[in-house]
Amino acid sequence: MKLTMNEKKKNIKFTILNLMDKPRWKKMKCVCNHNSVETEFPIFNCLHCKFQSQEMKLPRSPFKISLTSSDRNGKTKSEIVTCNKIKINRGDKYQEIIGWFNLV
């Protein structure tokens, strides 16, 4: 039985390492005043909204990246690889997402 392209995409698993259900920053309250745009994040410095924004920007599905390498003769080789595994780098104090990197 042959799988169609959409069925193949559904079978690809995406793994996120160091994912937490309840990091410390979720216990913080939002201090934004949502009545005005000028008193909301990112103009107003609200740590809860900042950390929530970082969490929402985390990829949740496989994505493609281009890898380029060169050999001793100077020839470059590039290939497109599907990334299906990432690891989150977290802060110590609030356990917020500082960044993430792909594991190919």
Protein backbone atom coordinates (compact mmCIF):
# COMPACT_ATOMS: atom_id res chain seq x y z
CA MET A 1 0.00 0.00 0.00
CA LYS A 2 1.42 3.37 -1.06
CA LEU A 3 1.05 6.38 1.19
CA THR A 4 0.12 9.76 -0.22
CA MET A 5 2.19 12.84 0.65
CA ASN A 6 -0.36 14.02 3.25
CA GLU A 7 -0.34 10.62 4.95
CA LYS A 8 3.47 10.63 5.07
CA LYS A 9 3.43 14.05 6.76
CA LYS A 10 1.02 12.78 9.42
CA ASN A 11 3.32 9.85 10.26
CA ILE A 12 6.34 12.09 10.99
CA LYS A 13 6.78 12.54 14.73
CA PHE A 14 8.10 15.79 16.17
CA THR A 15 9.98 15.50 19.46
CA ILE A 16 10.66 18.37 21.86
CA LEU A 17 13.19 17.67 24.61
CA ASN A 18 13.13 19.58 27.92
CA LEU A 19 9.44 20.50 27.54
CA MET A 20 7.72 21.31 30.86
CA ASP A 21 4.04 21.27 31.77
CA LYS A 22 4.23 23.90 34.54
CA PRO A 23 7.37 26.06 34.44
CA ARG A 24 7.79 28.65 37.21
CA TRP A 25 6.88 31.61 34.99
CA LYS A 26 3.30 30.33 34.59
CA LYS A 27 2.69 31.05 38.30
CA MET A 28 3.45 34.74 37.70
CA LYS A 29 0.56 37.10 37.10
CA CYS A 30 0.29 39.32 34.05
CA VAL A 31 0.87 42.97 35.01
CA CYS A 32 -0.24 44.46 31.68
CA ASN A 33 -3.15 46.85 31.44
CA HIS A 34 -5.10 45.45 28.49
CA ASN A 35 -7.16 48.61 28.07
CA SER A 36 -4.45 50.30 26.05
CA VAL A 37 -1.86 49.04 23.56
CA GLU A 38 0.75 51.29 25.16
CA THR A 39 0.48 49.43 28.46
CA GLU A 40 0.76 45.92 26.99
CA PHE A 41 3.69 43.73 26.05
CA PRO A 42 6.02 44.32 24.12
CA ILE A 43 5.88 48.06 24.88
CA PHE A 44 5.27 47.47 28.58
CA ASN A 45 7.72 45.09 30.24
CA CYS A 46 5.57 42.18 31.49
CA LEU A 47 7.62 39.05 32.20
CA HIS A 48 4.58 36.73 32.02
CA CYS A 49 3.63 37.95 28.53
CA LYS A 50 7.27 37.86 27.39
CA PHE A 51 7.70 34.24 28.47
CA GLN A 52 4.33 33.27 27.01
CA SER A 53 5.34 34.82 23.68
CA GLN A 54 8.57 32.80 23.70
CA GLU A 55 6.59 29.63 24.39
CA MET A 56 4.19 30.32 21.51
CA LYS A 57 7.07 30.87 19.03
CA LEU A 58 8.38 27.35 19.65
CA PRO A 59 8.01 25.12 16.56
CA ARG A 60 5.47 22.32 17.02
CA SER A 61 5.83 20.45 13.73
CA PRO A 62 8.73 19.20 11.55
CA PHE A 63 10.48 21.83 9.43
CA LYS A 64 13.15 21.85 6.73
CA ILE A 65 16.60 23.39 7.05
CA SER A 66 19.40 23.81 4.54
CA LEU A 67 22.83 22.49 5.56
CA THR A 68 25.90 23.71 3.68
CA SER A 69 29.39 22.28 4.06
CA SER A 70 32.64 22.68 2.18
CA ASP A 71 35.53 20.28 1.72
CA ARG A 72 39.29 20.98 1.62
CA ASN A 73 39.19 21.78 -2.09
CA GLY A 74 36.63 24.53 -1.56
CA LYS A 75 33.70 22.67 -3.09
CA THR A 76 30.46 23.39 -1.30
CA LYS A 77 27.77 20.83 -0.78
CA SER A 78 24.27 21.71 0.36
CA GLU A 79 21.37 19.50 1.31
CA ILE A 80 17.90 20.02 2.71
CA VAL A 81 17.15 18.09 5.89
CA THR A 82 13.86 17.72 7.76
CA CYS A 83 14.24 18.53 11.45
CA ASN A 84 11.93 16.49 13.64
CA LYS A 85 13.66 16.85 17.01
CA ILE A 86 14.56 20.00 18.98
CA LYS A 87 15.90 20.68 22.48
CA ILE A 88 14.83 23.66 24.58
CA ASN A 89 17.37 25.76 26.48
CA ARG A 90 15.73 27.11 29.66
CA GLY A 91 16.56 29.81 32.18
CA ASP A 92 17.34 28.89 35.78
CA LYS A 93 15.21 31.38 37.71
CA TYR A 94 11.87 31.33 35.86
CA GLN A 95 12.42 28.22 33.66
CA GLU A 96 11.58 30.36 30.64
CA ILE A 97 12.59 29.43 27.09
CA ILE A 98 15.88 31.15 26.26
CA GLY A 99 16.22 29.37 22.94
CA TRP A 100 16.14 26.02 21.21
CA PHE A 101 18.33 24.11 18.82
CA ASN A 102 17.67 21.34 16.33
CA LEU A 103 19.02 17.83 16.68
CA VAL A 104 19.54 16.43 13.20
